[in-house]
Protein backbone atom coordinates (compact mmCIF):
# COMPACT_ATOMS: atom_id res chain seq x y z
CA MET A 1 96.06 161.21 45.40
CA TYR A 2 96.88 162.22 41.83
CA THR A 3 99.84 161.73 39.54
CA ARG A 4 101.66 164.17 37.34
CA ILE A 5 104.49 164.11 34.86
CA ILE A 6 107.42 166.39 35.68
CA LYS A 7 110.72 167.18 34.04
CA ILE A 8 113.68 165.47 35.70
CA GLU A 9 115.08 168.92 36.62
CA GLU A 10 112.01 169.45 38.82
CA ALA A 11 112.50 166.21 40.76
CA THR A 12 113.35 166.53 44.44
CA SER A 13 114.18 164.11 47.25
CA GLY A 14 111.10 162.66 48.93
CA MET A 15 108.93 162.49 45.80
CA ILE A 16 107.36 159.09 45.10
CA LEU A 17 107.41 157.49 41.66
CA ALA A 18 103.93 156.79 40.32
CA GLU A 19 105.35 154.75 37.45
CA SER A 20 108.42 152.57 37.03
CA VAL A 21 111.34 154.20 35.24
CA TYR A 22 113.20 152.36 32.48
CA VAL A 23 116.43 153.51 30.84
CA ALA A 24 118.10 152.68 27.54
CA THR A 25 121.10 150.34 27.69
CA GLY A 26 122.76 151.69 24.57
CA SER A 27 123.59 148.16 23.46
CA GLY A 28 120.61 147.19 21.32
CA THR A 29 118.96 145.34 24.23
CA PRO A 30 115.54 146.19 25.69
CA PRO A 31 115.33 149.08 28.19
CA MET A 32 116.21 148.08 31.74
CA LEU A 33 114.44 148.86 35.00
CA ALA A 34 116.01 151.79 36.88
CA ALA A 35 113.44 152.17 39.68
CA ASP A 36 110.11 150.59 40.55
CA GLU A 37 106.78 152.33 41.02
CA GLY A 38 106.54 153.48 44.64
CA THR A 39 110.27 154.20 45.03
CA ILE A 40 111.05 157.29 47.09
CA LEU A 41 113.43 159.57 45.22
CA ASP A 42 116.72 160.70 46.71
CA ILE A 43 119.68 162.68 45.36
CA LYS A 44 121.59 159.62 44.13
CA LEU A 45 118.61 158.20 42.26
CA ILE A 46 117.82 161.56 40.63
CA SER A 47 121.48 161.84 39.62
CA LEU A 48 121.28 158.35 38.10
CA PHE A 49 118.23 159.37 36.02
CA LYS A 50 120.03 162.46 34.75
CA ARG A 51 123.13 160.46 33.78
CA ARG A 52 120.93 157.99 31.90
CA ARG A 53 119.21 160.92 30.11
CA VAL A 54 115.74 160.39 31.57
CA GLN A 55 113.72 163.44 30.48
CA THR A 56 110.49 163.09 32.48
CA ILE A 57 109.08 160.98 35.30
CA LYS A 58 105.59 160.41 36.72
CA VAL A 59 105.27 161.16 40.45
CA VAL A 60 102.55 161.04 43.07
CA SER A 61 100.91 164.42 43.70
CA GLU A 62 98.40 165.60 46.31
CA THR A 63 96.73 167.88 43.78
CA LYS A 64 95.72 167.41 40.19
CA ALA A 65 97.89 169.36 37.78
CA PRO A 66 95.93 171.83 35.62
CA GLU A 67 96.19 171.00 31.95
CA THR A 68 98.02 174.00 30.55
CA LYS A 69 100.46 174.31 27.70
CA GLU A 70 103.24 174.79 30.22
CA ASN A 71 102.83 171.61 32.21
CA ILE A 72 101.51 169.08 29.70
CA ILE A 73 104.46 167.13 28.37
CA ARG A 74 103.65 165.28 25.20
CA PRO A 75 105.46 162.00 24.56
CA GLU A 76 107.64 161.96 21.48
CA PRO A 77 106.19 159.90 18.58
CA VAL A 78 107.54 156.39 18.37
CA LEU A 79 108.29 154.96 14.94
CA PRO A 80 106.99 151.51 14.06
CA PRO A 81 109.63 148.80 14.61
CA GLN A 82 110.34 148.41 10.87
CA GLU A 83 110.94 152.14 10.48
CA LYS A 84 113.39 152.50 13.34
CA PRO A 85 116.87 153.16 12.00
CA LYS A 86 119.42 150.58 13.05
CA PRO A 87 122.17 152.17 15.12
CA ALA A 88 125.60 151.92 13.58
CA PRO A 89 128.02 149.87 15.66
CA SER A 90 130.45 152.09 17.52
CA PRO A 91 133.99 151.12 18.48
CA PRO A 92 134.63 150.62 22.21
CA LEU A 93 135.76 153.82 23.86
CA LYS A 94 138.91 153.86 25.95
CA PRO A 95 138.23 155.53 29.32
CA GLN A 96 139.73 159.01 29.33
CA PRO A 97 140.96 161.06 32.31
CA ARG A 98 138.41 163.60 33.57
CA THR A 99 139.08 166.98 35.13
CA VAL A 100 136.75 167.22 38.11
CA LEU A 101 136.11 169.42 41.13
CA PRO A 102 135.80 168.15 44.70
CA PRO A 103 132.24 167.45 45.94
CA PRO A 104 130.30 170.37 47.48
CA SER A 105 130.44 168.63 50.87
CA ILE A 106 134.20 169.27 51.08
CA LYS A 107 134.36 172.81 52.46
CA ARG A 108 137.67 173.73 50.88
CA ASP A 109 138.74 175.94 47.99
CA LEU A 110 140.40 173.04 46.18
CA PRO A 111 141.58 173.13 42.56
CA PRO A 112 140.30 170.79 39.84
CA GLU A 113 142.09 167.43 39.51
CA GLU A 114 142.65 165.30 36.44
CA ILE A 115 141.34 161.89 37.51
CA GLU A 116 142.50 158.75 35.75
CA PRO A 117 139.77 156.11 35.54
CA ILE A 118 140.03 153.04 37.75
CA LYS A 119 141.16 150.08 35.67
CA ASN A 120 138.16 147.92 34.77
CA VAL A 121 138.15 144.28 35.79
CA ILE A 122 136.38 143.23 32.60
CA SER A 123 135.51 144.95 29.35
CA GLU A 124 132.18 146.70 28.87
CA LYS A 125 131.30 144.23 26.13
CA LEU A 126 131.85 141.20 28.35
CA LYS A 127 130.01 142.86 31.24
CA GLU A 128 126.97 143.57 29.03
CA GLU A 129 127.03 140.02 27.69
CA ALA A 130 127.17 138.57 31.21
CA VAL A 131 124.38 140.76 32.59
CA ASP A 132 122.20 140.11 29.54
CA ASN A 133 122.58 136.33 29.96
CA VAL A 134 121.73 136.49 33.66
CA ARG A 135 118.72 138.72 32.95
CA GLN A 136 117.35 136.39 30.29
CA LEU A 137 117.80 133.31 32.45
CA PHE A 138 116.12 134.95 35.46
CA ASN A 139 113.23 135.97 33.21
CA CYS A 140 112.66 132.34 32.23
CA PHE A 141 110.98 131.99 35.63
CA THR A 142 107.32 132.89 35.58
CA PRO A 143 106.07 133.86 39.05
CA GLN A 144 102.52 132.86 38.10
CA ASP A 145 103.22 129.15 37.76
CA GLY A 146 106.85 128.84 38.87
CA VAL A 147 108.15 127.04 35.77
CA PHE A 148 110.87 127.62 33.22
CA ASN A 149 110.65 128.23 29.54
CA ARG A 150 112.88 125.17 29.10
CA THR A 151 114.20 125.85 25.61
CA THR A 152 115.13 129.44 26.37
CA ALA A 153 116.53 128.46 29.78
CA TYR A 154 118.81 125.85 28.22
CA GLN A 155 120.07 128.39 25.68
CA CYS A 156 120.67 130.94 28.44
CA VAL A 157 122.60 128.46 30.59
CA THR A 158 124.74 127.59 27.58
CA GLY A 159 125.38 131.28 26.95
CA LEU A 160 126.11 131.79 30.63
CA GLU A 161 128.71 129.03 30.59
CA LYS A 162 130.52 130.78 27.74
CA VAL A 163 130.52 134.04 29.71
CA VAL A 164 131.85 132.32 32.85
CA GLY A 165 134.63 130.81 30.74
CA ASP A 166 135.50 134.27 29.41
CA LEU A 167 135.50 135.74 32.94
CA LEU A 168 137.80 132.95 34.11
CA ASP A 169 140.18 133.73 31.24
CA VAL A 170 140.28 137.38 32.36
CA LEU A 171 141.18 136.35 35.91
CA SER A 172 143.74 133.78 34.78
CA ASN A 173 145.52 136.30 32.54
CA ASP A 174 145.86 138.92 35.29
CA SER A 175 149.34 138.74 36.82
CA THR A 176 148.23 140.19 40.19
CA GLY A 177 145.31 137.81 40.70
CA LEU A 178 143.46 140.66 42.47
CA VAL A 179 139.95 141.81 41.61
CA HIS A 180 137.76 144.75 42.53
CA ILE A 181 134.06 145.17 41.73
CA ASN A 182 133.76 148.97 41.65
CA ASP A 183 132.89 149.02 37.94
CA LEU A 184 130.41 146.13 38.28
CA LYS A 185 128.06 147.98 40.63
CA HIS A 186 124.90 149.46 39.11
CA PHE A 187 121.92 150.57 41.17
CA ASP A 188 119.59 150.30 38.18
CA GLU A 189 120.05 146.54 37.65
CA TYR A 190 121.28 145.44 41.06
CA THR A 191 120.15 141.81 40.87
CA TYR A 192 122.00 141.04 37.64
CA HIS A 193 125.17 142.99 38.44
CA HIS A 194 125.18 141.39 41.89
CA SER A 195 125.24 137.96 40.26
CA LEU A 196 128.18 139.03 38.07
CA SER A 197 130.10 140.50 41.03
CA VAL A 198 129.57 137.41 43.20
CA SER A 199 130.75 135.17 40.36
CA MET A 200 133.95 137.21 39.84
CA LEU A 201 134.67 137.39 43.57
CA SER A 202 134.01 133.67 44.05
CA MET A 203 136.32 132.59 41.22
CA ALA A 204 139.07 134.91 42.46
CA THR A 205 138.69 133.46 45.96
CA GLY A 206 138.85 129.91 44.62
CA ARG A 207 142.25 130.61 43.06
CA GLU A 208 143.84 131.19 46.48
CA PRO A 209 143.50 127.57 47.75
CA GLY A 210 144.47 126.31 44.27
CA LEU A 211 141.19 125.09 42.74
CA SER A 212 141.67 123.76 39.21
CA SER A 213 140.42 125.67 36.16
CA ASP A 214 137.50 123.26 35.82
CA GLU A 215 136.57 123.69 39.49
CA LEU A 216 136.80 127.48 39.16
CA PHE A 217 134.52 127.36 36.11
CA ARG A 218 131.92 125.30 37.99
CA LEU A 219 132.20 127.64 41.00
CA GLY A 220 131.70 130.71 38.79
CA ARG A 221 128.63 129.20 37.13
CA CYS A 222 127.15 128.30 40.51
CA ALA A 223 127.80 131.82 41.85
CA MET A 224 126.23 133.42 38.78
CA LEU A 225 123.03 131.46 39.48
CA HIS A 226 123.01 131.63 43.28
CA ASP A 227 120.02 134.02 43.47
CA VAL A 228 118.00 132.68 40.54
CA GLY A 229 115.27 131.56 42.94
CA LYS A 230 114.51 135.17 43.90
CA GLN A 231 112.61 135.48 40.64
CA LEU A 232 109.91 133.37 42.32
CA ILE A 233 109.57 135.73 45.31
CA PRO A 234 106.98 138.56 45.00
CA LEU A 235 108.68 141.76 43.85
CA ASP A 236 107.08 143.86 46.59
CA ILE A 237 108.82 141.69 49.19
CA ILE A 238 112.22 141.74 47.43
CA ASN A 239 112.13 145.55 47.14
CA LYS A 240 110.54 146.29 50.53
CA LYS A 241 112.38 149.15 52.25
CA GLY A 242 111.21 148.46 55.80
CA GLU A 243 111.71 145.42 58.00
CA LEU A 244 110.20 142.19 56.69
CA THR A 245 107.44 140.44 58.59
CA GLU A 246 108.06 136.90 59.80
CA ASP A 247 105.95 135.54 56.94
CA GLU A 248 107.75 137.69 54.33
CA PHE A 249 111.17 136.64 55.62
CA LYS A 250 110.08 133.01 55.44
CA LYS A 251 109.24 133.50 51.76
CA VAL A 252 112.58 135.16 51.05
CA LYS A 253 114.45 132.32 52.76
CA ASN A 254 112.82 129.93 50.28
CA HIS A 255 114.71 131.44 47.31
CA ALA A 256 117.80 129.26 47.75
CA ILE A 257 115.96 125.95 47.75
CA MET A 258 113.42 127.08 45.10
CA GLY A 259 116.20 128.09 42.71
CA ALA A 260 117.96 124.76 43.11
CA ILE A 261 114.76 122.72 42.73
CA ASN A 262 113.68 124.56 39.58
CA LEU A 263 117.05 123.99 37.94
CA LYS A 264 116.99 120.33 38.97
CA ASN A 265 113.41 119.75 37.80
CA ASN A 266 114.34 121.11 34.39
CA SER A 267 117.58 119.08 34.15
CA LEU A 268 119.78 122.19 34.16
CA GLY A 269 123.10 121.56 35.89
CA ASN A 270 124.04 118.78 38.30
CA ILE A 271 123.97 117.98 42.02
CA GLU A 272 127.09 120.05 42.70
CA LEU A 273 125.44 123.12 41.16
CA TRP A 274 122.09 122.54 42.90
CA ASN A 275 123.70 122.02 46.31
CA GLY A 276 125.97 125.04 45.87
CA ILE A 277 122.91 127.23 45.25
CA MET A 278 120.71 125.60 47.88
CA PHE A 279 123.18 125.99 50.75
CA HIS A 280 124.73 129.43 50.16
CA HIS A 281 122.84 130.80 53.19
CA GLU A 282 123.99 128.08 55.58
CA LYS A 283 126.24 129.19 58.47
CA VAL A 284 129.20 127.26 59.82
CA ASN A 285 127.69 127.26 63.35
CA GLY A 286 124.49 125.57 62.08
CA THR A 287 122.11 128.55 62.39
CA GLY A 288 121.66 129.15 58.64
CA TYR A 289 119.02 127.92 56.22
CA PRO A 290 117.41 125.93 54.64
CA LYS A 291 118.83 122.84 56.41
CA GLY A 292 120.87 124.21 59.33
CA LEU A 293 124.05 122.50 58.12
CA MET A 294 127.27 122.93 60.08
CA GLY A 295 130.90 123.54 59.01
CA LYS A 296 132.18 120.47 57.17
CA ASP A 297 128.71 119.55 55.87
CA ILE A 298 128.39 122.79 53.88
CA PRO A 299 129.72 122.51 50.29
CA LEU A 300 132.88 124.55 49.60
CA PHE A 301 131.17 126.39 46.74
CA SER A 302 128.41 127.52 49.14
CA LYS A 303 130.95 128.73 51.72
CA ILE A 304 132.79 130.83 49.12
CA ILE A 305 129.60 132.25 47.58
CA ALA A 306 128.30 133.16 51.06
CA VAL A 307 131.23 135.53 51.72
CA ALA A 308 131.14 137.07 48.22
CA ASP A 309 127.35 137.48 48.44
CA VAL A 310 127.47 139.39 51.74
CA TYR A 311 130.43 141.57 50.73
CA ASP A 312 128.85 142.73 47.46
CA ALA A 313 125.43 143.24 49.07
CA VAL A 314 126.64 145.45 51.93
CA THR A 315 128.97 147.54 49.71
CA SER A 316 126.26 148.23 47.11
CA TYR A 317 123.93 151.23 47.13
CA ARG A 318 120.31 150.24 47.72
CA ALA A 319 117.15 152.34 47.92
CA HIS A 320 116.81 151.67 51.66
CA ARG A 321 120.43 152.19 52.80
CA ALA A 322 123.83 153.57 51.92
CA PRO A 323 126.70 151.19 51.13
CA LEU A 324 129.37 150.26 53.65
CA LEU A 325 132.98 151.20 53.00
CA PRO A 326 135.25 148.27 52.05
CA SER A 327 136.94 148.54 55.46
CA GLU A 328 133.55 148.42 57.22
CA ALA A 329 132.51 145.38 55.16
CA PHE A 330 135.82 143.71 56.04
CA GLU A 331 135.19 144.27 59.75
CA LEU A 332 131.59 143.00 59.50
CA ILE A 333 132.69 139.77 57.82
CA ARG A 334 135.72 139.33 60.09
CA LYS A 335 133.47 139.44 63.18
CA ASP A 336 131.30 136.71 61.66
CA ILE A 337 134.14 134.18 61.27
CA GLY A 338 133.17 130.99 63.08
CA ILE A 339 129.54 132.07 63.12
CA SER A 340 128.56 132.49 59.48
CA PHE A 341 131.86 132.07 57.66
CA GLU A 342 134.85 129.75 57.68
CA TYR A 343 138.20 131.35 58.56
CA ASP A 344 140.13 129.89 55.61
CA VAL A 345 137.49 131.06 53.13
CA VAL A 346 137.45 134.61 54.51
CA LYS A 347 141.26 134.70 54.45
CA ALA A 348 141.28 133.55 50.82
CA PHE A 349 138.56 136.05 49.88
CA PHE A 350 140.35 139.12 51.21
CA ALA A 351 143.69 137.90 49.85
CA LYS A 352 142.26 138.29 46.34
CA LEU A 353 140.15 141.44 46.79
CA GLU A 354 141.48 144.87 45.90
CA LEU A 355 139.61 147.01 48.41
CA TYR A 356 140.76 150.46 47.26
CA PRO A 357 141.93 150.26 43.62
CA ILE A 358 144.49 152.75 42.30
CA ASN A 359 142.82 156.11 41.41
CA THR A 360 139.99 155.68 43.94
CA ILE A 361 138.96 159.10 45.34
CA VAL A 362 138.60 159.02 49.12
CA GLU A 363 137.76 161.40 51.94
CA LEU A 364 139.88 161.09 55.08
CA SER A 365 138.73 161.47 58.66
CA ASP A 366 140.77 164.68 59.02
CA GLY A 367 138.62 166.30 56.29
CA ARG A 368 141.11 166.05 53.45
CA LEU A 369 140.36 164.61 50.04
CA GLY A 370 142.81 162.29 48.33
CA ILE A 371 143.47 159.77 45.57
CA VAL A 372 144.75 156.22 46.10
CA VAL A 373 148.16 155.88 44.43
CA ASP A 374 149.47 152.61 45.88
CA SER A 375 148.77 149.68 48.21
CA ASP A 376 150.32 146.33 49.06
CA ASP A 377 149.18 142.87 50.09
CA ILE A 378 149.74 143.44 53.80
CA PHE A 379 148.16 146.88 54.19
CA ARG A 380 145.38 146.78 51.57
CA LEU A 381 142.95 148.37 54.05
CA ARG A 382 145.43 151.24 54.59
CA PRO A 383 146.53 152.36 51.10
CA VAL A 384 148.88 155.19 50.10
CA ILE A 385 147.03 158.45 49.42
CA ARG A 386 148.06 161.55 47.45
CA ILE A 387 146.28 164.59 48.88
CA TRP A 388 144.03 166.37 46.37
CA GLY A 389 145.58 169.30 44.52
CA GLY A 390 149.20 168.69 45.51
CA SER A 391 152.02 166.18 45.89
CA GLU A 392 151.71 165.37 49.60
CA ILE A 393 151.69 161.61 50.18
CA VAL A 394 150.02 159.99 53.19
CA HIS A 395 150.91 156.38 54.04
CA LEU A 396 147.88 155.31 56.05
CA ALA A 397 149.71 152.17 57.19
CA ALA A 398 152.45 154.23 58.89
CA PRO A 399 152.17 154.36 62.72
CA ILE A 400 152.13 158.18 62.63
CA ASN A 401 148.88 158.07 60.59
CA ARG A 402 147.11 155.50 62.75
CA GLY A 403 144.45 158.05 63.70
CA ILE A 404 143.52 158.83 60.08
CA ASP A 405 140.87 156.67 58.40
CA ILE A 406 139.03 156.58 55.08
CA VAL A 407 135.48 157.78 55.76
CA ASP A 408 134.04 157.96 52.24
CA VAL A 409 134.67 156.83 48.66
CA MET A 410 133.74 159.11 45.75
CA ASN A 411 132.60 158.21 42.25
CA PRO A 412 134.30 160.65 39.82
CA GLN A 413 131.22 160.47 37.58
CA ASP A 414 129.22 162.14 40.39
CA LEU A 415 131.70 164.98 40.92
CA PRO A 416 131.26 168.31 39.13
CA SER A 417 133.42 168.86 36.06
CA GLY A 418 136.29 171.29 36.37
CA GLY A 419 136.17 172.47 32.82
């Protein structure tokens, strides 16, 4: 096998990356990993590269590319660090409406629509700060010897606590008390954005039974760190697309206890934090890990994080599978009440989750495309839809529309522009 560098426009589904792809963050931080070496390309991943302005990629090839002027792509010269111009700070941009066309899969001659952006849960600045703190803390683990850089780790935990406090302020100042995580999902840095999403979802859930501000802060910090032990699991196992072997699964199951032990051994946190992390994969019927705890013996923080962890994981796009719809994730978790999850925790979780935020673009089971314009606390799984290109309103909760379901959710950034 050989490798060759190709322009991103030449990339096609099924190609295999011969080299990891990193993309610029645009925030003065180091480039972040978009896809590992060995990843099989698909349409969504290629689209991600294009949006992040990746120019070329290295792929596996069965034949060696002849070295001609046409196919040799020379890397652009890189200036020494001291000669790199410092980017001028730019003011935060307010999301603007976009005029977009329906996706090619919708076989209709539909007009363009002006799409208002979905309201962000948190600002881009706070999101970047949170993800950067999680990334730095995770990187304090060194898989070779399994120890922290203690000084850096302490600084990162301190920074993380500030971020959790800021996130809690955002939730506390929202009159609805509802959260969605649509804008927190990024395929290119799944691990770090997953930690942020689980923290937001956990704190929102904790507000329903009336946890105090201090308890919510401690819950959010615990949720942000719940997967820190995965940094000690070999990357090829974490990113494996096929089914894990028994030995590989055993190693993955160790991440909860390894994360807690490493924090404890380095005097970071307290027993509440360590236990919350260690037991977030326990199940209320006693079949979870690492200790097989049952119902009342599982810490409340762990029970809340468990629901948030599963919901965000199954609704996120991964290289080996497509995401579930919010309604499908709801049904999956509902069926696991009394097995994996506690009823009161699941009830609190979905009471605070906005499944289909206003301005979400959806495809209906009757083939029509629409935009979410309203929902209420009782029928959040069955929102009010305005049909694309007109003023027709469909109340999915109405008995007459019982046979119509949401079958897909669209990202306006992936739809073709209408002008």
